[in-house]
Amino acid sequence: MEKTFFRLVLFLIFSLFCGVIYGQNKTITGKVTDENGIPLKGASIFVRGTPAIGTTSGDLGKFELNLPSGSKTLVFSFVGKLSKEINIENRNTVDVTLQD
């Protein structure tokens, strides 16, 4: 009985700890277009300094990215366009226009 209670308490503590860690992440969404407003499918979006954390834009240029806590800057790039860095500290949505 004591072992079961102890395991239950450990499970609850672990679950709470995971919830706190997960709660520190945030999701950012947006759209990537060219200078004519045309959506860019396949644009790369990643956290500066951590290219492994990123995504690509979809058919309509839209993207969604789950960010680890402490993420401050996103890098946007597309073949034939100038890359752009955007500060995202206090933002949940970012729409970006990439220039030739």
N, C-alpha and C. Protein backbone atom coordinates (compact mmCIF):
# COMPACT_ATOMS: atom_id res chain seq x y z
N MET A 1 0.82 -1.20 0.00
CA MET A 1 0.00 0.00 0.00
C MET A 1 0.86 1.25 0.00
N GLU A 2 1.94 1.25 0.80
CA GLU A 2 2.83 2.42 0.86
C GLU A 2 3.53 2.64 -0.47
N LYS A 3 3.93 1.55 -1.13
CA LYS A 3 4.61 1.68 -2.42
C LYS A 3 3.66 2.29 -3.46
N THR A 4 2.42 1.88 -3.44
CA THR A 4 1.44 2.41 -4.38
C THR A 4 1.23 3.90 -4.14
N PHE A 5 1.09 4.28 -2.90
CA PHE A 5 0.92 5.69 -2.54
C PHE A 5 2.14 6.50 -2.96
N PHE A 6 3.32 5.98 -2.69
CA PHE A 6 4.57 6.65 -3.04
C PHE A 6 4.67 6.83 -4.57
N ARG A 7 4.31 5.81 -5.32
CA ARG A 7 4.35 5.89 -6.78
C ARG A 7 3.34 6.92 -7.29
N LEU A 8 2.17 6.95 -6.69
CA LEU A 8 1.16 7.92 -7.07
C LEU A 8 1.65 9.35 -6.83
N VAL A 9 2.25 9.58 -5.69
CA VAL A 9 2.77 10.91 -5.36
C VAL A 9 3.87 11.29 -6.34
N LEU A 10 4.79 10.38 -6.65
CA LEU A 10 5.84 10.66 -7.63
C LEU A 10 5.26 10.97 -9.01
N PHE A 11 4.26 10.20 -9.40
CA PHE A 11 3.62 10.43 -10.70
C PHE A 11 2.99 11.83 -10.75
N LEU A 12 2.30 12.23 -9.69
CA LEU A 12 1.67 13.55 -9.66
C LEU A 12 2.70 14.67 -9.69
N ILE A 13 3.79 14.51 -8.96
CA ILE A 13 4.86 15.51 -8.96
C ILE A 13 5.47 15.61 -10.35
N PHE A 14 5.76 14.47 -10.97
CA PHE A 14 6.32 14.45 -12.31
C PHE A 14 5.38 15.10 -13.31
N SER A 15 4.09 14.81 -13.21
CA SER A 15 3.11 15.40 -14.12
C SER A 15 3.05 16.91 -13.97
N LEU A 16 3.09 17.39 -12.75
CA LEU A 16 3.09 18.83 -12.49
C LEU A 16 4.33 19.47 -13.06
N PHE A 17 5.48 18.84 -12.87
CA PHE A 17 6.75 19.36 -13.37
C PHE A 17 6.72 19.46 -14.89
N CYS A 18 6.21 18.44 -15.56
CA CYS A 18 6.11 18.45 -17.03
C CYS A 18 5.18 19.56 -17.49
N GLY A 19 4.10 19.78 -16.78
CA GLY A 19 3.17 20.84 -17.13
C GLY A 19 3.81 22.21 -17.03
N VAL A 20 4.64 22.42 -16.02
CA VAL A 20 5.33 23.70 -15.85
C VAL A 20 6.31 23.91 -16.99
N ILE A 21 7.07 22.89 -17.34
CA ILE A 21 8.03 23.01 -18.44
C ILE A 21 7.30 23.27 -19.75
N TYR A 22 6.24 22.52 -20.02
CA TYR A 22 5.49 22.69 -21.26
C TYR A 22 4.87 24.08 -21.32
N GLY A 23 4.44 24.60 -20.22
CA GLY A 23 3.80 25.90 -20.17
C GLY A 23 4.74 27.04 -20.51
N GLN A 24 6.04 26.81 -20.50
CA GLN A 24 6.99 27.85 -20.82
C GLN A 24 7.18 28.01 -22.33
N ASN A 25 6.77 27.03 -23.09
CA ASN A 25 6.86 27.12 -24.54
C ASN A 25 5.74 28.01 -25.05
N LYS A 26 5.94 28.56 -26.26
CA LYS A 26 4.86 29.32 -26.87
C LYS A 26 4.80 28.97 -28.35
N THR A 27 3.66 29.20 -28.92
CA THR A 27 3.45 28.94 -30.34
C THR A 27 3.33 30.27 -31.05
N ILE A 28 4.04 30.37 -32.16
CA ILE A 28 3.96 31.59 -32.98
C ILE A 28 3.46 31.19 -34.36
N THR A 29 2.60 32.02 -34.92
CA THR A 29 2.05 31.76 -36.25
C THR A 29 2.28 32.98 -37.13
N GLY A 30 2.09 32.80 -38.42
CA GLY A 30 2.24 33.93 -39.32
C GLY A 30 2.19 33.52 -40.77
N LYS A 31 2.59 34.46 -41.62
CA LYS A 31 2.53 34.25 -43.06
C LYS A 31 3.77 34.88 -43.70
N VAL A 32 4.32 34.20 -44.71
CA VAL A 32 5.48 34.70 -45.43
C VAL A 32 5.04 34.98 -46.87
N THR A 33 5.30 36.23 -47.31
CA THR A 33 4.94 36.63 -48.67
C THR A 33 6.13 37.31 -49.35
N ASP A 34 6.01 37.49 -50.69
CA ASP A 34 7.02 38.27 -51.39
C ASP A 34 6.57 39.73 -51.43
N GLU A 35 7.35 40.58 -52.09
CA GLU A 35 7.04 42.01 -52.11
C GLU A 35 5.75 42.34 -52.85
N ASN A 36 5.21 41.38 -53.62
CA ASN A 36 3.94 41.58 -54.32
C ASN A 36 2.75 41.00 -53.55
N GLY A 37 3.01 40.49 -52.35
CA GLY A 37 1.95 39.92 -51.53
C GLY A 37 1.64 38.46 -51.86
N ILE A 38 2.46 37.84 -52.71
CA ILE A 38 2.24 36.45 -53.09
C ILE A 38 2.81 35.54 -52.00
N PRO A 39 2.01 34.60 -51.49
CA PRO A 39 2.48 33.69 -50.44
C PRO A 39 3.67 32.86 -50.93
N LEU A 40 4.65 32.67 -50.05
CA LEU A 40 5.83 31.87 -50.37
C LEU A 40 5.72 30.50 -49.72
N LYS A 41 5.42 29.49 -50.53
CA LYS A 41 5.36 28.11 -50.04
C LYS A 41 6.79 27.57 -49.93
N GLY A 42 7.11 27.01 -48.76
CA GLY A 42 8.42 26.39 -48.56
C GLY A 42 9.47 27.33 -48.02
N ALA A 43 9.08 28.51 -47.53
CA ALA A 43 10.04 29.40 -46.88
C ALA A 43 10.50 28.74 -45.58
N SER A 44 11.77 28.92 -45.25
CA SER A 44 12.32 28.36 -44.01
C SER A 44 12.17 29.37 -42.88
N ILE A 45 11.73 28.87 -41.75
CA ILE A 45 11.59 29.69 -40.55
C ILE A 45 12.25 28.92 -39.42
N PHE A 46 13.25 29.53 -38.75
CA PHE A 46 13.89 28.84 -37.63
C PHE A 46 14.34 29.83 -36.57
N VAL A 47 14.56 29.32 -35.37
CA VAL A 47 15.03 30.13 -34.25
C VAL A 47 16.51 30.42 -34.48
N ARG A 48 16.90 31.69 -34.42
CA ARG A 48 18.30 32.06 -34.63
C ARG A 48 19.19 31.35 -33.61
N GLY A 49 20.23 30.75 -34.12
CA GLY A 49 21.18 30.03 -33.27
C GLY A 49 20.84 28.57 -33.08
N THR A 50 19.64 28.17 -33.47
CA THR A 50 19.21 26.77 -33.34
C THR A 50 18.44 26.35 -34.58
N PRO A 51 19.15 26.13 -35.70
CA PRO A 51 18.47 25.77 -36.95
C PRO A 51 17.66 24.47 -36.87
N ALA A 52 17.92 23.66 -35.84
CA ALA A 52 17.14 22.41 -35.69
C ALA A 52 15.72 22.70 -35.24
N ILE A 53 15.46 23.89 -34.71
CA ILE A 53 14.12 24.26 -34.28
C ILE A 53 13.54 25.18 -35.34
N GLY A 54 12.72 24.61 -36.21
CA GLY A 54 12.17 25.41 -37.29
C GLY A 54 11.06 24.69 -38.02
N THR A 55 10.62 25.34 -39.09
CA THR A 55 9.54 24.80 -39.91
C THR A 55 9.62 25.42 -41.29
N THR A 56 8.70 25.07 -42.16
CA THR A 56 8.57 25.72 -43.47
C THR A 56 7.14 26.19 -43.63
N SER A 57 6.97 27.20 -44.46
CA SER A 57 5.63 27.72 -44.71
C SER A 57 4.87 26.79 -45.65
N GLY A 58 3.56 26.77 -45.49
CA GLY A 58 2.69 25.90 -46.28
C GLY A 58 2.24 26.55 -47.58
N ASP A 59 1.23 25.96 -48.20
CA ASP A 59 0.73 26.40 -49.50
C ASP A 59 0.37 27.89 -49.54
N LEU A 60 -0.20 28.40 -48.49
CA LEU A 60 -0.63 29.80 -48.46
C LEU A 60 0.39 30.70 -47.77
N GLY A 61 1.62 30.19 -47.61
CA GLY A 61 2.67 30.96 -46.96
C GLY A 61 2.55 30.97 -45.44
N LYS A 62 1.59 30.24 -44.90
CA LYS A 62 1.36 30.26 -43.46
C LYS A 62 2.25 29.25 -42.75
N PHE A 63 2.58 29.57 -41.49
CA PHE A 63 3.40 28.68 -40.68
C PHE A 63 2.94 28.72 -39.23
N GLU A 64 3.31 27.69 -38.49
CA GLU A 64 3.11 27.61 -37.05
C GLU A 64 4.34 26.94 -36.47
N LEU A 65 4.88 27.52 -35.41
CA LEU A 65 6.12 27.01 -34.82
C LEU A 65 6.03 27.07 -33.31
N ASN A 66 6.32 25.92 -32.67
CA ASN A 66 6.39 25.87 -31.21
C ASN A 66 7.81 26.23 -30.80
N LEU A 67 7.91 27.26 -29.96
CA LEU A 67 9.21 27.79 -29.57
C LEU A 67 9.56 27.42 -28.14
N PRO A 68 10.82 27.08 -27.89
CA PRO A 68 11.24 26.86 -26.51
C PRO A 68 11.34 28.20 -25.78
N SER A 69 11.27 28.17 -24.48
CA SER A 69 11.37 29.42 -23.72
C SER A 69 12.72 30.06 -24.00
N GLY A 70 12.74 31.37 -24.00
CA GLY A 70 13.96 32.10 -24.25
C GLY A 70 14.21 32.43 -25.72
N SER A 71 13.36 31.93 -26.61
CA SER A 71 13.52 32.25 -28.03
C SER A 71 13.24 33.72 -28.26
N LYS A 72 14.14 34.39 -28.96
CA LYS A 72 13.98 35.83 -29.15
C LYS A 72 13.89 36.26 -30.60
N THR A 73 14.51 35.49 -31.50
CA THR A 73 14.58 35.92 -32.89
C THR A 73 14.31 34.77 -33.84
N LEU A 74 13.48 35.02 -34.85
CA LEU A 74 13.25 34.05 -35.92
C LEU A 74 13.96 34.53 -37.17
N VAL A 75 14.48 33.57 -37.93
CA VAL A 75 15.12 33.86 -39.21
C VAL A 75 14.23 33.29 -40.31
N PHE A 76 13.91 34.12 -41.30
CA PHE A 76 13.08 33.74 -42.42
C PHE A 76 13.94 33.77 -43.68
N SER A 77 13.85 32.71 -44.49
CA SER A 77 14.62 32.68 -45.73
C SER A 77 13.86 31.92 -46.81
N PHE A 78 14.21 32.26 -48.06
CA PHE A 78 13.61 31.61 -49.22
C PHE A 78 14.59 31.78 -50.38
N VAL A 79 14.69 30.78 -51.23
CA VAL A 79 15.63 30.83 -52.35
C VAL A 79 15.35 32.06 -53.22
N GLY A 80 16.39 32.85 -53.49
CA GLY A 80 16.26 34.03 -54.33
C GLY A 80 15.79 35.27 -53.59
N LYS A 81 15.58 35.17 -52.27
CA LYS A 81 15.12 36.30 -51.47
C LYS A 81 16.15 36.61 -50.38
N LEU A 82 16.15 37.85 -49.92
CA LEU A 82 17.01 38.21 -48.80
C LEU A 82 16.42 37.65 -47.51
N SER A 83 17.27 37.07 -46.68
CA SER A 83 16.81 36.57 -45.37
C SER A 83 16.44 37.74 -44.48
N LYS A 84 15.57 37.47 -43.52
CA LYS A 84 15.14 38.52 -42.60
C LYS A 84 15.07 37.94 -41.20
N GLU A 85 15.54 38.71 -40.22
CA GLU A 85 15.45 38.33 -38.81
C GLU A 85 14.43 39.22 -38.13
N ILE A 86 13.55 38.59 -37.35
CA ILE A 86 12.48 39.32 -36.66
C ILE A 86 12.52 38.99 -35.18
N ASN A 87 12.48 40.04 -34.34
CA ASN A 87 12.39 39.87 -32.89
C ASN A 87 10.97 39.46 -32.54
N ILE A 88 10.83 38.36 -31.79
CA ILE A 88 9.49 37.82 -31.50
C ILE A 88 9.21 37.73 -30.00
N GLU A 89 9.98 38.43 -29.18
CA GLU A 89 9.84 38.29 -27.72
C GLU A 89 8.42 38.52 -27.21
N ASN A 90 7.73 39.52 -27.68
CA ASN A 90 6.39 39.82 -27.17
C ASN A 90 5.32 39.63 -28.23
N ARG A 91 5.56 38.71 -29.16
CA ARG A 91 4.62 38.52 -30.26
C ARG A 91 4.16 37.08 -30.33
N ASN A 92 2.95 36.90 -30.82
CA ASN A 92 2.40 35.56 -31.08
C ASN A 92 2.15 35.35 -32.56
N THR A 93 2.15 36.45 -33.32
CA THR A 93 1.92 36.39 -34.76
C THR A 93 2.98 37.23 -35.46
N VAL A 94 3.52 36.69 -36.56
CA VAL A 94 4.51 37.43 -37.35
C VAL A 94 4.21 37.21 -38.83
N ASP A 95 3.92 38.31 -39.52
CA ASP A 95 3.77 38.26 -40.97
C ASP A 95 5.01 38.94 -41.56
N VAL A 96 5.65 38.26 -42.52
CA VAL A 96 6.93 38.72 -43.05
C VAL A 96 6.87 38.83 -44.56
N THR A 97 7.47 39.89 -45.07
CA THR A 97 7.63 40.08 -46.51
C THR A 97 9.11 39.96 -46.83
N LEU A 98 9.46 39.02 -47.71
CA LEU A 98 10.84 38.85 -48.12
C LEU A 98 11.06 39.51 -49.48
N GLN A 99 12.15 40.27 -49.57
CA GLN A 99 12.48 41.02 -50.77
C GLN A 99 13.44 40.25 -51.66
N ASP A 100 13.42 40.57 -52.97
CA ASP A 100 14.37 39.98 -53.92
C ASP A 100 15.79 40.38 -53.56
